[in-house]
Amino acid sequence: MIIFWYWELFTSCYWDLAFF
């Protein structure tokens, strides 16, 4: 599902910003 893929991408960027 594209929504799931988009969610994974969004959360990845969010965590990257959170740690860095």
PDB file of N, CA and C in Angstrom:
ATOM      1  N   MET A   1       0.853  -1.212   0.000  1.00  0.00           N
ATOM      2  CA  MET A   1       0.000   0.000   0.000  1.00  0.00           C
ATOM      3  C   MET A   1       0.882   1.254   0.000  1.00  0.00           C
ATOM      4  N   ILE A   2       0.513   2.209  -0.805  1.00  0.00           N
ATOM      5  CA  ILE A   2       1.294   3.442  -0.920  1.00  0.00           C
ATOM      6  C   ILE A   2       1.220   4.256   0.368  1.00  0.00           C
ATOM      7  N   ILE A   3       0.085   4.223   1.040  1.00  0.00           N
ATOM      8  CA  ILE A   3      -0.054   4.983   2.288  1.00  0.00           C
ATOM      9  C   ILE A   3       0.934   4.469   3.321  1.00  0.00           C
ATOM     10  N   PHE A   4       1.078   3.137   3.383  1.00  0.00           N
ATOM     11  CA  PHE A   4       2.005   2.537   4.334  1.00  0.00           C
ATOM     12  C   PHE A   4       3.428   2.963   4.015  1.00  0.00           C
ATOM     13  N   TRP A   5       3.773   2.955   2.716  1.00  0.00           N
ATOM     14  CA  TRP A   5       5.117   3.356   2.294  1.00  0.00           C
ATOM     15  C   TRP A   5       5.356   4.816   2.642  1.00  0.00           C
ATOM     16  N   TYR A   6       4.367   5.646   2.408  1.00  0.00           N
ATOM     17  CA  TYR A   6       4.495   7.076   2.712  1.00  0.00           C
ATOM     18  C   TYR A   6       4.664   7.288   4.214  1.00  0.00           C
ATOM     19  N   TRP A   7       3.922   6.509   4.999  1.00  0.00           N
ATOM     20  CA  TRP A   7       4.010   6.616   6.461  1.00  0.00           C
ATOM     21  C   TRP A   7       5.410   6.238   6.935  1.00  0.00           C
ATOM     22  N   GLU A   8       5.958   5.162   6.358  1.00  0.00           N
ATOM     23  CA  GLU A   8       7.307   4.732   6.718  1.00  0.00           C
ATOM     24  C   GLU A   8       8.309   5.824   6.392  1.00  0.00           C
ATOM     25  N   LEU A   9       8.173   6.441   5.235  1.00  0.00           N
ATOM     26  CA  LEU A   9       9.095   7.498   4.828  1.00  0.00           C
ATOM     27  C   LEU A   9       8.970   8.700   5.759  1.00  0.00           C
ATOM     28  N   PHE A  10       7.742   9.060   6.094  1.00  0.00           N
ATOM     29  CA  PHE A  10       7.500  10.208   6.974  1.00  0.00           C
ATOM     30  C   PHE A  10       8.074   9.974   8.363  1.00  0.00           C
ATOM     31  N   THR A  11       7.837   8.792   8.905  1.00  0.00           N
ATOM     32  CA  THR A  11       8.335   8.492  10.252  1.00  0.00           C
ATOM     33  C   THR A  11       9.856   8.426  10.256  1.00  0.00           C
ATOM     34  N   SER A  12      10.453   7.969   9.151  1.00  0.00           N
ATOM     35  CA  SER A  12      11.914   7.915   9.072  1.00  0.00           C
ATOM     36  C   SER A  12      12.485   9.319   9.180  1.00  0.00           C
ATOM     37  N   CYS A  13      11.938  10.243   8.427  1.00  0.00           N
ATOM     38  CA  CYS A  13      12.417  11.624   8.455  1.00  0.00           C
ATOM     39  C   CYS A  13      12.175  12.225   9.838  1.00  0.00           C
ATOM     40  N   TYR A  14      11.038  11.906  10.433  1.00  0.00           N
ATOM     41  CA  TYR A  14      10.703  12.449  11.745  1.00  0.00           C
ATOM     42  C   TYR A  14      11.712  11.995  12.787  1.00  0.00           C
ATOM     43  N   TRP A  15      12.051  10.704  12.774  1.00  0.00           N
ATOM     44  CA  TRP A  15      13.008  10.191  13.750  1.00  0.00           C
ATOM     45  C   TRP A  15      14.401  10.753  13.497  1.00  0.00           C
ATOM     46  N   ASP A  16      14.746  10.947  12.212  1.00  0.00           N
ATOM     47  CA  ASP A  16      16.055  11.530  11.898  1.00  0.00           C
ATOM     48  C   ASP A  16      16.140  12.936  12.478  1.00  0.00           C
ATOM     49  N   LEU A  17      15.071  13.690  12.360  1.00  0.00           N
ATOM     50  CA  LEU A  17      15.062  15.050  12.893  1.00  0.00           C
ATOM     51  C   LEU A  17      15.078  15.022  14.422  1.00  0.00           C
ATOM     52  N   ALA A  18      14.443  14.026  14.995  1.00  0.00           N
ATOM     53  CA  ALA A  18      14.363  13.930  16.446  1.00  0.00           C
ATOM     54  C   ALA A  18      15.748  13.633  17.051  1.00  0.00           C
ATOM     55  N   PHE A  19      16.501  12.756  16.386  1.00  0.00           N
ATOM     56  CA  PHE A  19      17.817  12.398  16.914  1.00  0.00           C
ATOM     57  C   PHE A  19      18.896  13.380  16.499  1.00  0.00           C
ATOM     58  N   PHE A  20      18.708  14.012  15.343  1.00  0.00           N
ATOM     59  CA  PHE A  20      19.702  14.966  14.859  1.00  0.00           C
ATOM     60  C   PHE A  20      19.081  16.337  14.735  1.00  0.00           C
TER      61      PHE A  20
END
